[in-house]
């Protein structure tokens, strides 16, 4: 796991450590010292911690004008032991909500497992975004199954094109608009005029 880096091809467009509104503003990174781990597996030092011992993230891109954030994850999303969604909501999401972000793209290719322990914080997050949305992109099939079995598909949008999206081939803006178009089509299908 130590050689899995957060996606870096958008760094010329955005870096969280240079964004004064970011929870990671002025953070300094090491390329040499590996201090964070998921259990006994060291992870690359470019991943950001937010309080969880098993889940890390990278704020890849934020557009305050259009109100969206793209967040990549690595590790185990464990609400049973680490209360990861609570930590994520309080330490990252709430700060982004205060800055007007109401659309969240969560990249989950490197989320190894998911453990559910209630939907209070998912519900709170969902209520806080009003007209926004949360899209889960490219999560592993077994993780998606756990999300479905936990009824979190009420809060997160996933499935279909969102499960196999070649997001690295897009700019952040094109990626956002593709996700938004998919979600708008879904909404139009559910609520025909």
Protein backbone atom coordinates (compact mmCIF):
# COMPACT_ATOMS: atom_id res chain seq x y z
CA UNK A 1 0.00 0.00 0.00
CA UNK A 2 2.93 2.35 0.54
CA UNK A 3 3.36 2.84 -3.21
CA UNK A 4 -0.27 3.86 -3.85
CA UNK A 5 -0.16 7.63 -4.17
CA UNK A 6 -3.14 9.96 -4.33
CA UNK A 7 -3.91 11.05 -7.89
CA UNK A 8 -1.48 13.84 -8.74
CA UNK A 9 -2.25 14.90 -12.34
CA UNK A 10 -4.50 17.76 -11.20
CA UNK A 11 -1.94 19.31 -8.86
CA UNK A 12 -1.24 22.09 -11.37
CA UNK A 13 -4.91 23.06 -10.98
CA UNK A 14 -5.43 22.63 -7.23
CA UNK A 15 -3.56 21.68 -4.06
CA UNK A 16 -5.35 21.58 -0.72
CA UNK A 17 -2.27 22.76 1.16
CA UNK A 18 -2.32 26.04 -0.82
CA UNK A 19 -6.08 26.59 -0.47
CA UNK A 20 -6.75 28.86 2.50
CA UNK A 21 -10.28 27.42 2.82
CA UNK A 22 -9.05 23.82 2.91
CA UNK A 23 -8.76 21.79 6.13
CA UNK A 24 -5.20 21.00 4.98
CA UNK A 25 -4.06 24.58 4.32
CA UNK A 26 -0.30 24.96 4.89
CA UNK A 27 0.23 21.26 5.53
CA UNK A 28 3.73 20.11 4.66
CA UNK A 29 4.38 16.65 3.24
CA UNK A 30 7.34 14.32 3.31
CA UNK A 31 8.36 12.12 0.42
CA UNK A 32 10.75 10.18 2.62
CA UNK A 33 9.08 9.48 5.97
CA UNK A 34 6.14 7.09 6.03
CA UNK A 35 4.33 7.66 9.31
CA UNK A 36 0.70 6.68 8.60
CA UNK A 37 -0.53 3.13 8.26
CA UNK A 38 -3.70 1.14 7.74
CA UNK A 39 -3.24 -1.52 10.40
CA UNK A 40 0.31 -2.74 9.77
CA UNK A 41 0.55 -1.47 6.18
CA UNK A 42 2.35 1.84 5.70
CA UNK A 43 0.73 4.25 3.26
CA UNK A 44 2.26 6.95 1.09
CA UNK A 45 2.92 10.20 3.01
CA UNK A 46 0.86 12.28 0.56
CA UNK A 47 -2.40 10.88 2.00
CA UNK A 48 -4.07 13.10 4.60
CA UNK A 49 -5.26 11.98 8.00
CA UNK A 50 -8.46 13.29 9.55
CA UNK A 51 -8.61 11.31 12.79
CA UNK A 52 -9.33 7.79 11.58
CA UNK A 53 -6.78 5.05 12.18
CA UNK A 54 -7.86 3.08 9.13
CA UNK A 55 -9.08 5.58 6.51
CA UNK A 56 -7.16 8.40 4.84
CA UNK A 57 -8.05 10.81 2.08
CA UNK A 58 -6.81 13.36 -0.41
CA UNK A 59 -8.77 16.45 -1.28
CA UNK A 60 -7.98 16.36 -5.00
CA UNK A 61 -10.00 19.32 -6.21
CA UNK A 62 -12.45 21.92 -4.92
CA UNK A 63 -14.43 24.40 -6.99
CA UNK A 64 -16.07 26.93 -4.68
CA UNK A 65 -17.97 28.70 -7.47
CA UNK A 66 -19.72 25.52 -8.59
CA UNK A 67 -19.82 24.07 -5.08
CA UNK A 68 -18.11 20.71 -5.50
CA UNK A 69 -15.26 18.73 -4.00
CA UNK A 70 -13.50 15.62 -5.30
CA UNK A 71 -12.08 13.43 -2.52
CA UNK A 72 -10.02 10.27 -2.97
CA UNK A 73 -9.85 7.65 -0.18
CA UNK A 74 -7.55 4.80 0.85
CA UNK A 75 -7.92 2.20 3.59
CA UNK A 76 -10.79 0.67 5.49
CA UNK A 77 -13.95 2.70 6.07
CA UNK A 78 -14.87 1.48 9.53
CA UNK A 79 -17.82 3.07 11.31
CA UNK A 80 -17.94 0.29 13.93
CA UNK A 81 -14.52 0.85 15.51
CA UNK A 82 -13.22 4.19 14.25
CA UNK A 83 -16.51 6.06 13.65
CA UNK A 84 -15.02 7.11 10.31
CA UNK A 85 -18.12 8.83 8.95
CA UNK A 86 -18.41 10.89 12.14
CA UNK A 87 -14.76 11.95 11.89
CA UNK A 88 -15.08 12.64 8.16
CA UNK A 89 -18.25 14.67 8.70
CA UNK A 90 -16.86 16.77 11.57
CA UNK A 91 -13.26 17.24 10.41
CA UNK A 92 -13.65 17.62 6.64
CA UNK A 93 -17.23 17.76 5.33
CA UNK A 94 -18.52 20.37 7.81
CA UNK A 95 -15.63 22.68 6.91
CA UNK A 96 -16.37 22.30 3.21
CA UNK A 97 -20.09 22.85 3.79
CA UNK A 98 -19.25 26.15 5.50
CA UNK A 99 -17.47 27.17 2.29
CA UNK A 100 -20.53 26.43 0.14
CA UNK A 101 -19.65 22.93 -1.05
CA UNK A 102 -22.79 20.81 -1.47
CA UNK A 103 -21.72 18.31 -4.14
CA UNK A 104 -19.25 15.61 -3.16
CA UNK A 105 -17.51 13.14 -5.45
CA UNK A 106 -15.98 10.33 -3.38
CA UNK A 107 -13.39 8.15 -5.12
CA UNK A 108 -13.29 4.70 -3.55
CA UNK A 109 -11.06 2.44 -5.66
CA UNK A 110 -8.66 2.11 -2.73
CA UNK A 111 -11.29 1.56 -0.03
CA UNK A 112 -10.63 -2.03 0.96
CA UNK A 113 -13.59 -2.69 3.28
CA UNK A 114 -16.62 -0.98 4.73
CA UNK A 115 -18.14 -1.61 8.16
CA UNK A 116 -21.49 -0.05 8.98
CA UNK A 117 -22.70 1.22 12.36
CA UNK A 118 -25.79 3.35 11.84
CA UNK A 119 -26.76 6.11 9.46
CA UNK A 120 -27.01 9.17 11.74
CA UNK A 121 -24.04 11.01 10.21
CA UNK A 122 -24.91 9.96 6.67
CA UNK A 123 -28.40 11.33 7.22
CA UNK A 124 -27.01 14.55 8.72
CA UNK A 125 -24.64 14.98 5.77
CA UNK A 126 -27.48 14.33 3.32
CA UNK A 127 -29.74 16.87 5.05
CA UNK A 128 -26.96 19.46 5.15
CA UNK A 129 -26.52 19.48 1.38
CA UNK A 130 -30.17 20.26 0.52
CA UNK A 131 -30.00 20.50 -3.30
CA UNK A 132 -26.57 18.90 -3.53
CA UNK A 133 -25.53 15.26 -3.75
CA UNK A 134 -22.91 12.67 -2.80
CA UNK A 135 -21.58 10.43 -5.57
CA UNK A 136 -19.51 7.32 -4.81
CA UNK A 137 -17.26 6.56 -7.79
CA UNK A 138 -15.47 3.27 -8.53
CA UNK A 139 -15.86 1.68 -5.11
CA UNK A 140 -15.00 -2.03 -5.01
CA UNK A 141 -17.97 -4.39 -5.66
CA UNK A 142 -17.88 -5.89 -2.15
CA UNK A 143 -17.83 -2.39 -0.62
CA UNK A 144 -20.80 -1.36 -2.78
CA UNK A 145 -22.63 -4.47 -1.62
CA UNK A 146 -22.06 -3.46 2.01
CA UNK A 147 -23.29 0.08 1.24
CA UNK A 148 -26.45 -1.35 -0.36
CA UNK A 149 -27.08 -3.79 2.48
CA UNK A 150 -26.73 -0.90 4.94
CA UNK A 151 -29.27 1.13 2.89
CA UNK A 152 -26.72 3.89 2.37
CA UNK A 153 -27.76 4.09 -1.27
CA UNK A 154 -30.43 6.43 0.07
CA UNK A 155 -27.65 8.96 0.80
CA UNK A 156 -24.92 8.04 -1.68
CA UNK A 157 -25.36 7.79 -5.43
CA UNK A 158 -23.55 4.85 -7.00
CA UNK A 159 -24.11 2.09 -9.51
CA UNK A 160 -24.12 1.91 -13.28
CA UNK A 161 -21.74 4.33 -14.96
CA UNK A 162 -20.53 5.61 -11.57
CA UNK A 163 -18.98 2.23 -10.75
CA UNK A 164 -16.65 2.09 -13.74
CA UNK A 165 -15.90 5.67 -14.60
CA UNK A 166 -12.49 6.42 -16.18
CA UNK A 167 -12.23 9.62 -14.15
CA UNK A 168 -8.46 9.97 -14.53
CA UNK A 169 -8.95 10.69 -18.24
CA UNK A 170 -10.94 13.86 -17.49
CA UNK A 171 -10.16 17.29 -16.16
CA UNK A 172 -11.87 17.99 -12.82
CA UNK A 173 -14.47 20.18 -14.51
CA UNK A 174 -15.33 17.60 -17.19
CA UNK A 175 -15.44 14.86 -14.53
CA UNK A 176 -17.80 16.92 -12.36
CA UNK A 177 -20.11 17.68 -15.29
CA UNK A 178 -20.23 14.00 -16.31
CA UNK A 179 -21.19 12.95 -12.77
CA UNK A 180 -23.72 15.76 -12.52
CA UNK A 181 -25.29 14.78 -15.86
CA UNK A 182 -25.65 11.16 -14.73
CA UNK A 183 -27.29 12.23 -11.47
CA UNK A 184 -29.60 14.69 -13.25
CA UNK A 185 -30.73 11.90 -15.61
CA UNK A 186 -31.41 9.64 -12.64
CA UNK A 187 -33.42 12.34 -10.91
CA UNK A 188 -35.42 13.05 -14.07
CA UNK A 189 -36.20 9.33 -14.42
CA UNK A 190 -37.37 9.07 -10.79
CA UNK A 191 -39.43 12.27 -10.91
CA UNK A 192 -40.84 12.64 -14.45
CA UNK A 193 -42.73 15.92 -14.98
